[in-house]
């Protein structure tokens, strides 16, 4: 297994944990606001690795997978690589943020 494959395997595990595991530290920012993973990536790590291998930046240090549009799932065409220091949470292309669970509860 190459360094790039190992990195993508870690990102796949992070993505699934953030979307589906209530114990994951990022669950409230992803799964808690109904962000999901496309079935083709959720069901197959190999498919995720094949889809993402050509998109990897030269330097993997301090990189993280991010959504382009948080109203859509993690899927081909809706993810990008960003520096973790630049990660500002979920934002749609129009600059708005999806509603957080606390906001939903207050409105109910």
PDB file of N, CA and C in Angstrom:
ATOM      1  N   UNK A   1       0.854  -1.186   0.000  1.00  0.00           N
ATOM      2  CA  UNK A   1       0.000   0.000   0.000  1.00  0.00           C
ATOM      3  C   UNK A   1       0.893   1.242   0.000  1.00  0.00           C
ATOM      4  N   UNK A   2       0.591   2.168  -0.913  1.00  0.00           N
ATOM      5  CA  UNK A   2       1.392   3.380  -1.026  1.00  0.00           C
ATOM      6  C   UNK A   2       0.959   4.407   0.033  1.00  0.00           C
ATOM      7  N   UNK A   3       1.754   5.448   0.177  1.00  0.00           N
ATOM      8  CA  UNK A   3       1.424   6.521   1.119  1.00  0.00           C
ATOM      9  C   UNK A   3       0.111   7.180   0.717  1.00  0.00           C
ATOM     10  N   UNK A   4      -0.086   7.386  -0.586  1.00  0.00           N
ATOM     11  CA  UNK A   4      -1.326   8.008  -1.048  1.00  0.00           C
ATOM     12  C   UNK A   4      -2.539   7.128  -0.756  1.00  0.00           C
ATOM     13  N   UNK A   5      -2.411   5.839  -0.972  1.00  0.00           N
ATOM     14  CA  UNK A   5      -3.515   4.919  -0.677  1.00  0.00           C
ATOM     15  C   UNK A   5      -3.823   4.901   0.824  1.00  0.00           C
ATOM     16  N   UNK A   6      -2.782   4.902   1.639  1.00  0.00           N
ATOM     17  CA  UNK A   6      -2.984   4.930   3.091  1.00  0.00           C
ATOM     18  C   UNK A   6      -3.671   6.224   3.520  1.00  0.00           C
ATOM     19  N   UNK A   7      -3.256   7.350   2.926  1.00  0.00           N
ATOM     20  CA  UNK A   7      -3.880   8.644   3.227  1.00  0.00           C
ATOM     21  C   UNK A   7      -5.357   8.625   2.839  1.00  0.00           C
ATOM     22  N   UNK A   8      -5.671   8.108   1.651  1.00  0.00           N
ATOM     23  CA  UNK A   8      -7.066   8.046   1.210  1.00  0.00           C
ATOM     24  C   UNK A   8      -7.890   7.102   2.081  1.00  0.00           C
ATOM     25  N   UNK A   9      -7.272   6.027   2.542  1.00  0.00           N
ATOM     26  CA  UNK A   9      -7.964   5.106   3.446  1.00  0.00           C
ATOM     27  C   UNK A   9      -8.327   5.825   4.754  1.00  0.00           C
ATOM     28  N   UNK A  10      -7.412   6.637   5.268  1.00  0.00           N
ATOM     29  CA  UNK A  10      -7.688   7.417   6.476  1.00  0.00           C
ATOM     30  C   UNK A  10      -8.803   8.432   6.238  1.00  0.00           C
ATOM     31  N   UNK A  11      -8.780   9.091   5.078  1.00  0.00           N
ATOM     32  CA  UNK A  11      -9.818  10.076   4.766  1.00  0.00           C
ATOM     33  C   UNK A  11     -11.182   9.406   4.594  1.00  0.00           C
ATOM     34  N   UNK A  12     -11.199   8.210   4.036  1.00  0.00           N
ATOM     35  CA  UNK A  12     -12.447   7.452   3.890  1.00  0.00           C
ATOM     36  C   UNK A  12     -13.018   7.122   5.269  1.00  0.00           C
ATOM     37  N   UNK A  13     -12.162   6.663   6.162  1.00  0.00           N
ATOM     38  CA  UNK A  13     -12.604   6.342   7.526  1.00  0.00           C
ATOM     39  C   UNK A  13     -13.100   7.600   8.234  1.00  0.00           C
ATOM     40  N   UNK A  14     -12.388   8.734   8.065  1.00  0.00           N
ATOM     41  CA  UNK A  14     -12.827   9.992   8.687  1.00  0.00           C
ATOM     42  C   UNK A  14     -14.197  10.398   8.147  1.00  0.00           C
ATOM     43  N   UNK A  15     -14.378  10.330   6.833  1.00  0.00           N
ATOM     44  CA  UNK A  15     -15.624  10.735   6.194  1.00  0.00           C
ATOM     45  C   UNK A  15     -16.801   9.897   6.704  1.00  0.00           C
ATOM     46  N   UNK A  16     -16.631   8.583   6.775  1.00  0.00           N
ATOM     47  CA  UNK A  16     -17.707   7.719   7.272  1.00  0.00           C
ATOM     48  C   UNK A  16     -17.987   7.985   8.748  1.00  0.00           C
ATOM     49  N   UNK A  17     -16.937   8.160   9.535  1.00  0.00           N
ATOM     50  CA  UNK A  17     -17.123   8.447  10.959  1.00  0.00           C
ATOM     51  C   UNK A  17     -17.830   9.764  11.185  1.00  0.00           C
ATOM     52  N   UNK A  18     -17.424  10.795  10.465  1.00  0.00           N
ATOM     53  CA  UNK A  18     -18.020  12.128  10.631  1.00  0.00           C
ATOM     54  C   UNK A  18     -19.491  12.134  10.239  1.00  0.00           C
ATOM     55  N   UNK A  19     -19.878  11.278   9.308  1.00  0.00           N
ATOM     56  CA  UNK A  19     -21.267  11.260   8.841  1.00  0.00           C
ATOM     57  C   UNK A  19     -22.164  10.278   9.594  1.00  0.00           C
ATOM     58  N   UNK A  20     -21.600   9.196  10.125  1.00  0.00           N
ATOM     59  CA  UNK A  20     -22.463   8.136  10.657  1.00  0.00           C
ATOM     60  C   UNK A  20     -22.197   7.713  12.096  1.00  0.00           C
ATOM     61  N   UNK A  21     -21.103   8.139  12.697  1.00  0.00           N
ATOM     62  CA  UNK A  21     -20.790   7.706  14.061  1.00  0.00           C
ATOM     63  C   UNK A  21     -21.008   8.850  15.059  1.00  0.00           C
ATOM     64  N   UNK A  22     -21.982   8.700  15.921  1.00  0.00           N
ATOM     65  CA  UNK A  22     -22.281   9.739  16.912  1.00  0.00           C
ATOM     66  C   UNK A  22     -21.100  10.005  17.850  1.00  0.00           C
ATOM     67  N   UNK A  23     -20.181   9.056  17.956  1.00  0.00           N
ATOM     68  CA  UNK A  23     -19.015   9.223  18.827  1.00  0.00           C
ATOM     69  C   UNK A  23     -17.874   9.985  18.149  1.00  0.00           C
ATOM     70  N   UNK A  24     -17.972  10.208  16.858  1.00  0.00           N
ATOM     71  CA  UNK A  24     -16.906  10.903  16.117  1.00  0.00           C
ATOM     72  C   UNK A  24     -16.897  12.383  16.490  1.00  0.00           C
ATOM     73  N   UNK A  25     -15.713  12.991  16.701  1.00  0.00           N
ATOM     74  CA  UNK A  25     -15.652  14.404  17.108  1.00  0.00           C
ATOM     75  C   UNK A  25     -16.274  15.379  16.102  1.00  0.00           C
ATOM     76  N   UNK A  26     -16.354  15.017  14.826  1.00  0.00           N
ATOM     77  CA  UNK A  26     -16.939  15.901  13.816  1.00  0.00           C
ATOM     78  C   UNK A  26     -18.379  15.547  13.455  1.00  0.00           C
ATOM     79  N   UNK A  27     -18.986  14.604  14.171  1.00  0.00           N
ATOM     80  CA  UNK A  27     -20.344  14.180  13.819  1.00  0.00           C
ATOM     81  C   UNK A  27     -21.341  15.340  13.836  1.00  0.00           C
ATOM     82  N   UNK A  28     -21.266  16.214  14.821  1.00  0.00           N
ATOM     83  CA  UNK A  28     -22.237  17.316  14.907  1.00  0.00           C
ATOM     84  C   UNK A  28     -22.155  18.254  13.706  1.00  0.00           C
ATOM     85  N   UNK A  29     -20.992  18.346  13.076  1.00  0.00           N
ATOM     86  CA  UNK A  29     -20.825  19.235  11.916  1.00  0.00           C
ATOM     87  C   UNK A  29     -21.168  18.556  10.596  1.00  0.00           C
ATOM     88  N   UNK A  30     -21.277  17.235  10.592  1.00  0.00           N
ATOM     89  CA  UNK A  30     -21.552  16.513   9.345  1.00  0.00           C
ATOM     90  C   UNK A  30     -22.811  15.651   9.498  1.00  0.00           C
ATOM     91  N   UNK A  31     -22.709  14.511  10.127  1.00  0.00           N
ATOM     92  CA  UNK A  31     -23.872  13.638  10.290  1.00  0.00           C
ATOM     93  C   UNK A  31     -24.993  14.297  11.072  1.00  0.00           C
ATOM     94  N   UNK A  32     -24.640  15.164  12.014  1.00  0.00           N
ATOM     95  CA  UNK A  32     -25.645  15.858  12.821  1.00  0.00           C
ATOM     96  C   UNK A  32     -26.472  16.858  12.039  1.00  0.00           C
ATOM     97  N   UNK A  33     -25.999  17.247  10.861  1.00  0.00           N
ATOM     98  CA  UNK A  33     -26.772  18.158   9.995  1.00  0.00           C
ATOM     99  C   UNK A  33     -27.135  17.443   8.686  1.00  0.00           C
ATOM    100  N   UNK A  34     -27.249  16.134   8.770  1.00  0.00           N
ATOM    101  CA  UNK A  34     -27.723  15.290   7.664  1.00  0.00           C
ATOM    102  C   UNK A  34     -26.801  15.235   6.450  1.00  0.00           C
ATOM    103  N   UNK A  35     -25.504  15.439   6.634  1.00  0.00           N
ATOM    104  CA  UNK A  35     -24.558  15.227   5.543  1.00  0.00           C
ATOM    105  C   UNK A  35     -24.323  13.722   5.456  1.00  0.00           C
ATOM    106  N   UNK A  36     -24.320  13.196   4.250  1.00  0.00           N
ATOM    107  CA  UNK A  36     -24.142  11.761   4.071  1.00  0.00           C
ATOM    108  C   UNK A  36     -23.017  11.491   3.073  1.00  0.00           C
ATOM    109  N   UNK A  37     -22.821  10.222   2.782  1.00  0.00           N
ATOM    110  CA  UNK A  37     -21.814   9.792   1.818  1.00  0.00           C
ATOM    111  C   UNK A  37     -22.552   9.074   0.690  1.00  0.00           C
ATOM    112  N   UNK A  38     -22.199   9.380  -0.541  1.00  0.00           N
ATOM    113  CA  UNK A  38     -22.828   8.718  -1.685  1.00  0.00           C
ATOM    114  C   UNK A  38     -22.662   7.205  -1.556  1.00  0.00           C
ATOM    115  N   UNK A  39     -23.676   6.430  -1.926  1.00  0.00           N
ATOM    116  CA  UNK A  39     -23.601   4.966  -1.780  1.00  0.00           C
ATOM    117  C   UNK A  39     -22.373   4.333  -2.425  1.00  0.00           C
ATOM    118  N   UNK A  40     -21.928   4.868  -3.565  1.00  0.00           N
ATOM    119  CA  UNK A  40     -20.769   4.258  -4.232  1.00  0.00           C
ATOM    120  C   UNK A  40     -19.523   4.375  -3.369  1.00  0.00           C
ATOM    121  N   UNK A  41     -19.390   5.437  -2.571  1.00  0.00           N
ATOM    122  CA  UNK A  41     -18.239   5.590  -1.687  1.00  0.00           C
ATOM    123  C   UNK A  41     -18.485   4.943  -0.336  1.00  0.00           C
ATOM    124  N   UNK A  42     -19.700   4.976   0.135  1.00  0.00           N
ATOM    125  CA  UNK A  42     -20.007   4.376   1.435  1.00  0.00           C
ATOM    126  C   UNK A  42     -19.796   2.865   1.391  1.00  0.00           C
ATOM    127  N   UNK A  43     -20.162   2.244   0.280  1.00  0.00           N
ATOM    128  CA  UNK A  43     -20.099   0.792   0.162  1.00  0.00           C
ATOM    129  C   UNK A  43     -18.733   0.259  -0.257  1.00  0.00           C
ATOM    130  N   UNK A  44     -17.863   1.120  -0.804  1.00  0.00           N
ATOM    131  CA  UNK A  44     -16.591   0.618  -1.317  1.00  0.00           C
ATOM    132  C   UNK A  44     -15.448   1.619  -1.133  1.00  0.00           C
ATOM    133  N   UNK A  45     -14.527   1.254  -0.262  1.00  0.00           N
ATOM    134  CA  UNK A  45     -13.348   2.086  -0.070  1.00  0.00           C
ATOM    135  C   UNK A  45     -12.496   2.082  -1.338  1.00  0.00           C
ATOM    136  N   UNK A  46     -12.440   0.960  -2.048  1.00  0.00           N
ATOM    137  CA  UNK A  46     -11.650   0.885  -3.280  1.00  0.00           C
ATOM    138  C   UNK A  46     -12.168   1.852  -4.337  1.00  0.00           C
ATOM    139  N   UNK A  47     -13.483   1.992  -4.441  1.00  0.00           N
ATOM    140  CA  UNK A  47     -14.066   2.940  -5.390  1.00  0.00           C
ATOM    141  C   UNK A  47     -13.689   4.363  -4.999  1.00  0.00           C
ATOM    142  N   UNK A  48     -13.756   4.667  -3.691  1.00  0.00           N
ATOM    143  CA  UNK A  48     -13.359   5.991  -3.206  1.00  0.00           C
ATOM    144  C   UNK A  48     -11.901   6.265  -3.570  1.00  0.00           C
ATOM    145  N   UNK A  49     -11.023   5.307  -3.307  1.00  0.00           N
ATOM    146  CA  UNK A  49      -9.598   5.481  -3.604  1.00  0.00           C
ATOM    147  C   UNK A  49      -9.379   5.686  -5.098  1.00  0.00           C
ATOM    148  N   UNK A  50     -10.031   4.886  -5.934  1.00  0.00           N
ATOM    149  CA  UNK A  50      -9.880   5.034  -7.387  1.00  0.00           C
ATOM    150  C   UNK A  50     -10.390   6.388  -7.871  1.00  0.00           C
ATOM    151  N   UNK A  51     -11.517   6.846  -7.331  1.00  0.00           N
ATOM    152  CA  UNK A  51     -12.080   8.130  -7.737  1.00  0.00           C
ATOM    153  C   UNK A  51     -11.202   9.309  -7.314  1.00  0.00           C
ATOM    154  N   UNK A  52     -10.577   9.202  -6.148  1.00  0.00           N
ATOM    155  CA  UNK A  52      -9.868  10.341  -5.573  1.00  0.00           C
ATOM    156  C   UNK A  52      -8.360  10.354  -5.821  1.00  0.00           C
ATOM    157  N   UNK A  53      -7.789   9.258  -6.274  1.00  0.00           N
ATOM    158  CA  UNK A  53      -6.331   9.166  -6.432  1.00  0.00           C
ATOM    159  C   UNK A  53      -5.772  10.285  -7.323  1.00  0.00           C
ATOM    160  N   UNK A  54      -6.444  10.584  -8.418  1.00  0.00           N
ATOM    161  CA  UNK A  54      -5.932  11.601  -9.347  1.00  0.00           C
ATOM    162  C   UNK A  54      -6.165  13.027  -8.864  1.00  0.00           C
ATOM    163  N   UNK A  55      -6.982  13.200  -7.834  1.00  0.00           N
ATOM    164  CA  UNK A  55      -7.265  14.551  -7.338  1.00  0.00           C
ATOM    165  C   UNK A  55      -6.351  14.972  -6.198  1.00  0.00           C
ATOM    166  N   UNK A  56      -5.522  14.050  -5.708  1.00  0.00           N
ATOM    167  CA  UNK A  56      -4.674  14.354  -4.554  1.00  0.00           C
ATOM    168  C   UNK A  56      -3.670  15.463  -4.870  1.00  0.00           C
ATOM    169  N   UNK A  57      -3.482  16.388  -3.928  1.00  0.00           N
ATOM    170  CA  UNK A  57      -2.453  17.416  -4.109  1.00  0.00           C
ATOM    171  C   UNK A  57      -1.065  16.795  -3.931  1.00  0.00           C
ATOM    172  N   UNK A  58      -0.038  17.519  -4.352  1.00  0.00           N
ATOM    173  CA  UNK A  58       1.331  17.006  -4.208  1.00  0.00           C
ATOM    174  C   UNK A  58       1.686  16.751  -2.753  1.00  0.00           C
ATOM    175  N   UNK A  59       1.360  17.710  -1.904  1.00  0.00           N
ATOM    176  CA  UNK A  59       1.670  17.566  -0.484  1.00  0.00           C
ATOM    177  C   UNK A  59       0.413  17.162   0.267  1.00  0.00           C
ATOM    178  N   UNK A  60       0.511  16.086   1.021  1.00  0.00           N
ATOM    179  CA  UNK A  60      -0.636  15.606   1.786  1.00  0.00           C
ATOM    180  C   UNK A  60      -0.654  16.166   3.202  1.00  0.00           C
ATOM    181  N   UNK A  61       0.424  16.826   3.596  1.00  0.00           N
ATOM    182  CA  UNK A  61       0.525  17.341   4.960  1.00  0.00           C
ATOM    183  C   UNK A  61      -0.575  18.352   5.247  1.00  0.00           C
ATOM    184  N   UNK A  62      -1.237  18.163   6.369  1.00  0.00           N
ATOM    185  CA  UNK A  62      -2.274  19.090   6.830  1.00  0.00           C
ATOM    186  C   UNK A  62      -3.424  19.256   5.828  1.00  0.00           C
ATOM    187  N   UNK A  63      -3.716  18.238   5.065  1.00  0.00           N
ATOM    188  CA  UNK A  63      -4.824  18.299   4.113  1.00  0.00           C
ATOM    189  C   UNK A  63      -6.032  17.573   4.667  1.00  0.00           C
ATOM    190  N   UNK A  64      -7.201  18.013   4.224  1.00  0.00           N
ATOM    191  CA  UNK A  64      -8.443  17.407   4.666  1.00  0.00           C
ATOM    192  C   UNK A  64      -9.449  17.460   3.525  1.00  0.00           C
ATOM    193  N   UNK A  65     -10.305  16.469   3.492  1.00  0.00           N
ATOM    194  CA  UNK A  65     -11.375  16.423   2.513  1.00  0.00           C
ATOM    195  C   UNK A  65     -12.480  17.372   2.959  1.00  0.00           C
ATOM    196  N   UNK A  66     -12.985  18.179   2.045  1.00  0.00           N
ATOM    197  CA  UNK A  66     -14.046  19.130   2.389  1.00  0.00           C
ATOM    198  C   UNK A  66     -15.118  19.099   1.307  1.00  0.00           C
ATOM    199  N   UNK A  67     -16.318  19.440   1.710  1.00  0.00           N
ATOM    200  CA  UNK A  67     -17.433  19.512   0.770  1.00  0.00           C
ATOM    201  C   UNK A  67     -17.431  20.834   0.025  1.00  0.00           C
ATOM    202  N   UNK A  68     -17.711  20.804  -1.255  1.00  0.00           N
ATOM    203  CA  UNK A  68     -17.890  22.026  -2.029  1.00  0.00           C
ATOM    204  C   UNK A  68     -19.256  22.610  -1.690  1.00  0.00           C
ATOM    205  N   UNK A  69     -20.283  21.766  -1.694  1.00  0.00           N
ATOM    206  CA  UNK A  69     -21.646  22.171  -1.353  1.00  0.00           C
ATOM    207  C   UNK A  69     -22.154  21.260  -0.241  1.00  0.00           C
ATOM    208  N   UNK A  70     -22.303  21.758   0.994  1.00  0.00           N
ATOM    209  CA  UNK A  70     -22.704  20.897   2.104  1.00  0.00           C
ATOM    210  C   UNK A  70     -24.151  20.430   2.035  1.00  0.00           C
ATOM    211  N   UNK A  71     -24.900  20.916   1.092  1.00  0.00           N
ATOM    212  CA  UNK A  71     -26.286  20.447   0.939  1.00  0.00           C
ATOM    213  C   UNK A  71     -26.351  19.164   0.112  1.00  0.00           C
ATOM    214  N   UNK A  72     -25.187  18.743  -0.410  1.00  0.00           N
ATOM    215  CA  UNK A  72     -25.091  17.490  -1.154  1.00  0.00           C
ATOM    216  C   UNK A  72     -24.162  16.554  -0.395  1.00  0.00           C
ATOM    217  N   UNK A  73     -24.233  15.259  -0.668  1.00  0.00           N
ATOM    218  CA  UNK A  73     -23.381  14.302   0.070  1.00  0.00           C
ATOM    219  C   UNK A  73     -21.925  14.350  -0.398  1.00  0.00           C
ATOM    220  N   UNK A  74     -21.077  13.649   0.347  1.00  0.00           N
ATOM    221  CA  UNK A  74     -19.713  13.411  -0.113  1.00  0.00           C
ATOM    222  C   UNK A  74     -19.855  12.525  -1.348  1.00  0.00           C
ATOM    223  N   UNK A  75     -19.495  13.032  -2.504  1.00  0.00           N
ATOM    224  CA  UNK A  75     -19.630  12.304  -3.758  1.00  0.00           C
ATOM    225  C   UNK A  75     -18.642  12.879  -4.763  1.00  0.00           C
ATOM    226  N   UNK A  76     -18.367  12.146  -5.857  1.00  0.00           N
ATOM    227  CA  UNK A  76     -17.463  12.695  -6.872  1.00  0.00           C
ATOM    228  C   UNK A  76     -17.987  14.041  -7.372  1.00  0.00           C
ATOM    229  N   UNK A  77     -17.101  15.004  -7.469  1.00  0.00           N
ATOM    230  CA  UNK A  77     -17.479  16.325  -7.941  1.00  0.00           C
ATOM    231  C   UNK A  77     -17.930  17.284  -6.852  1.00  0.00           C
ATOM    232  N   UNK A  78     -18.123  16.791  -5.637  1.00  0.00           N
ATOM    233  CA  UNK A  78     -18.570  17.662  -4.546  1.00  0.00           C
ATOM    234  C   UNK A  78     -17.577  17.687  -3.390  1.00  0.00           C
ATOM    235  N   UNK A  79     -16.329  17.317  -3.662  1.00  0.00           N
ATOM    236  CA  UNK A  79     -15.302  17.360  -2.618  1.00  0.00           C
ATOM    237  C   UNK A  79     -14.062  18.065  -3.146  1.00  0.00           C
ATOM    238  N   UNK A  80     -13.299  18.614  -2.224  1.00  0.00           N
ATOM    239  CA  UNK A  80     -12.033  19.256  -2.568  1.00  0.00           C
ATOM    240  C   UNK A  80     -11.061  19.058  -1.416  1.00  0.00           C
ATOM    241  N   UNK A  81      -9.775  19.231  -1.709  1.00  0.00           N
ATOM    242  CA  UNK A  81      -8.740  19.117  -0.695  1.00  0.00           C
ATOM    243  C   UNK A  81      -8.397  20.509  -0.190  1.00  0.00           C
ATOM    244  N   UNK A  82      -8.454  20.703   1.112  1.00  0.00           N
ATOM    245  CA  UNK A  82      -8.120  21.998   1.694  1.00  0.00           C
ATOM    246  C   UNK A  82      -7.114  21.800   2.817  1.00  0.00           C
ATOM    247  N   UNK A  83      -6.434  22.871   3.194  1.00  0.00           N
ATOM    248  CA  UNK A  83      -5.574  22.820   4.366  1.00  0.00           C
ATOM    249  C   UNK A  83      -6.470  22.834   5.600  1.00  0.00           C
ATOM    250  N   UNK A  84      -6.134  22.044   6.607  1.00  0.00           N
ATOM    251  CA  UNK A  84      -6.965  21.988   7.806  1.00  0.00           C
ATOM    252  C   UNK A  84      -7.046  23.350   8.484  1.00  0.00           C
ATOM    253  N   UNK A  85      -6.009  24.170   8.368  1.00  0.00           N
ATOM    254  CA  UNK A  85      -6.041  25.497   8.986  1.00  0.00           C
ATOM    255  C   UNK A  85      -7.028  26.425   8.281  1.00  0.00           C
ATOM    256  N   UNK A  86      -7.381  26.134   7.043  1.00  0.00           N
ATOM    257  CA  UNK A  86      -8.328  26.958   6.284  1.00  0.00           C
ATOM    258  C   UNK A  86      -9.761  26.468   6.418  1.00  0.00           C
ATOM    259  N   UNK A  87      -9.944  25.330   7.082  1.00  0.00           N
ATOM    260  CA  UNK A  87     -11.280  24.737   7.203  1.00  0.00           C
ATOM    261  C   UNK A  87     -12.162  25.611   8.086  1.00  0.00           C
ATOM    262  N   UNK A  88     -13.220  26.126   7.525  1.00  0.00           N
ATOM    263  CA  UNK A  88     -14.114  27.021   8.267  1.00  0.00           C
ATOM    264  C   UNK A  88     -15.464  26.388   8.555  1.00  0.00           C
ATOM    265  N   UNK A  89     -15.551  25.102   8.454  1.00  0.00           N
ATOM    266  CA  UNK A  89     -16.841  24.455   8.658  1.00  0.00           C
ATOM    267  C   UNK A  89     -17.607  24.373   7.351  1.00  0.00           C
ATOM    268  N   UNK A  90     -18.823  23.932   7.441  1.00  0.00           N
ATOM    269  CA  UNK A  90     -19.641  23.736   6.250  1.00  0.00           C
ATOM    270  C   UNK A  90     -20.180  25.048   5.723  1.00  0.00           C
ATOM    271  N   UNK A  91     -20.004  25.280   4.433  1.00  0.00           N
ATOM    272  CA  UNK A  91     -20.562  26.459   3.764  1.00  0.00           C
ATOM    273  C   UNK A  91     -20.972  26.075   2.354  1.00  0.00           C
ATOM    274  N   UNK A  92     -22.139  26.515   1.957  1.00  0.00           N
ATOM    275  CA  UNK A  92     -22.599  26.287   0.589  1.00  0.00           C
ATOM    276  C   UNK A  92     -21.884  27.267  -0.343  1.00  0.00           C
ATOM    277  N   UNK A  93     -21.915  27.019  -1.649  1.00  0.00           N
ATOM    278  CA  UNK A  93     -21.266  27.945  -2.582  1.00  0.00           C
ATOM    279  C   UNK A  93     -21.782  29.381  -2.475  1.00  0.00           C
ATOM    280  N   UNK A  94     -23.020  29.552  -2.026  1.00  0.00           N
ATOM    281  CA  UNK A  94     -23.557  30.906  -1.878  1.00  0.00           C
ATOM    282  C   UNK A  94     -23.144  31.560  -0.556  1.00  0.00           C
ATOM    283  N   UNK A  95     -22.323  30.861   0.254  1.00  0.00           N
ATOM    284  CA  UNK A  95     -21.812  31.426   1.500  1.00  0.00           C
ATOM    285  C   UNK A  95     -22.657  31.139   2.724  1.00  0.00           C
ATOM    286  N   UNK A  96     -23.825  30.532   2.551  1.00  0.00           N
ATOM    287  CA  UNK A  96     -24.681  30.231   3.692  1.00  0.00           C
ATOM    288  C   UNK A  96     -24.271  28.914   4.321  1.00  0.00           C
ATOM    289  N   UNK A  97     -24.692  28.717   5.539  1.00  0.00           N
ATOM    290  CA  UNK A  97     -24.407  27.467   6.249  1.00  0.00           C
ATOM    291  C   UNK A  97     -25.692  26.673   6.409  1.00  0.00           C
ATOM    292  N   UNK A  98     -25.598  25.332   6.399  1.00  0.00           N
ATOM    293  CA  UNK A  98     -26.809  24.553   6.662  1.00  0.00           C
ATOM    294  C   UNK A  98     -27.214  24.744   8.117  1.00  0.00           C
ATOM    295  N   UNK A  99     -28.472  24.530   8.403  1.00  0.00           N
ATOM    296  CA  UNK A  99     -28.946  24.690   9.779  1.00  0.00           C
ATOM    297  C   UNK A  99     -28.317  23.633  10.663  1.00  0.00           C
ATOM    298  N   UNK A 100     -27.902  24.034  11.844  1.00  0.00           N
ATOM    299  CA  UNK A 100     -27.349  23.108  12.810  1.00  0.00           C
ATOM    300  C   UNK A 100     -28.504  22.529  13.619  1.00  0.00           C
ATOM    301  N   UNK A 101     -28.332  21.364  14.249  1.00  0.00           N
ATOM    302  CA  UNK A 101     -29.429  20.737  14.992  1.00  0.00           C
ATOM    303  C   UNK A 101     -30.041  21.654  16.056  1.00  0.00           C
ATOM    304  N   UNK A 102     -29.214  22.477  16.738  1.00  0.00           N
ATOM    305  CA  UNK A 102     -29.738  23.357  17.778  1.00  0.00           C
ATOM    306  C   UNK A 102     -30.736  24.366  17.181  1.00  0.00           C
ATOM    307  N   UNK A 103     -30.427  24.859  15.985  1.00  0.00           N
ATOM    308  CA  UNK A 103     -31.314  25.814  15.342  1.00  0.00           C
ATOM    309  C   UNK A 103     -32.633  25.155  14.963  1.00  0.00           C
ATOM    310  N   UNK A 104     -32.573  23.897  14.530  1.00  0.00           N
ATOM    311  CA  UNK A 104     -33.787  23.175  14.173  1.00  0.00           C
ATOM    312  C   UNK A 104     -34.682  22.990  15.387  1.00  0.00           C
ATOM    313  N   UNK A 105     -34.061  22.645  16.516  1.00  0.00           N
ATOM    314  CA  UNK A 105     -34.837  22.391  17.719  1.00  0.00           C
ATOM    315  C   UNK A 105     -35.520  23.666  18.211  1.00  0.00           C
ATOM    316  N   UNK A 106     -34.841  24.794  18.115  1.00  0.00           N
ATOM    317  CA  UNK A 106     -35.417  26.049  18.564  1.00  0.00           C
ATOM    318  C   UNK A 106     -36.646  26.457  17.762  1.00  0.00           C
ATOM    319  N   UNK A 107     -36.639  26.117  16.474  1.00  0.00           N
ATOM    320  CA  UNK A 107     -37.748  26.495  15.621  1.00  0.00           C
ATOM    321  C   UNK A 107     -38.955  25.590  15.814  1.00  0.00           C
ATOM    322  N   UNK A 108     -38.723  24.396  16.287  1.00  0.00           N
ATOM    323  CA  UNK A 108     -39.819  23.419  16.425  1.00  0.00           C
ATOM    324  C   UNK A 108     -40.789  23.815  17.519  1.00  0.00           C
TER     325      UNK A 108
END
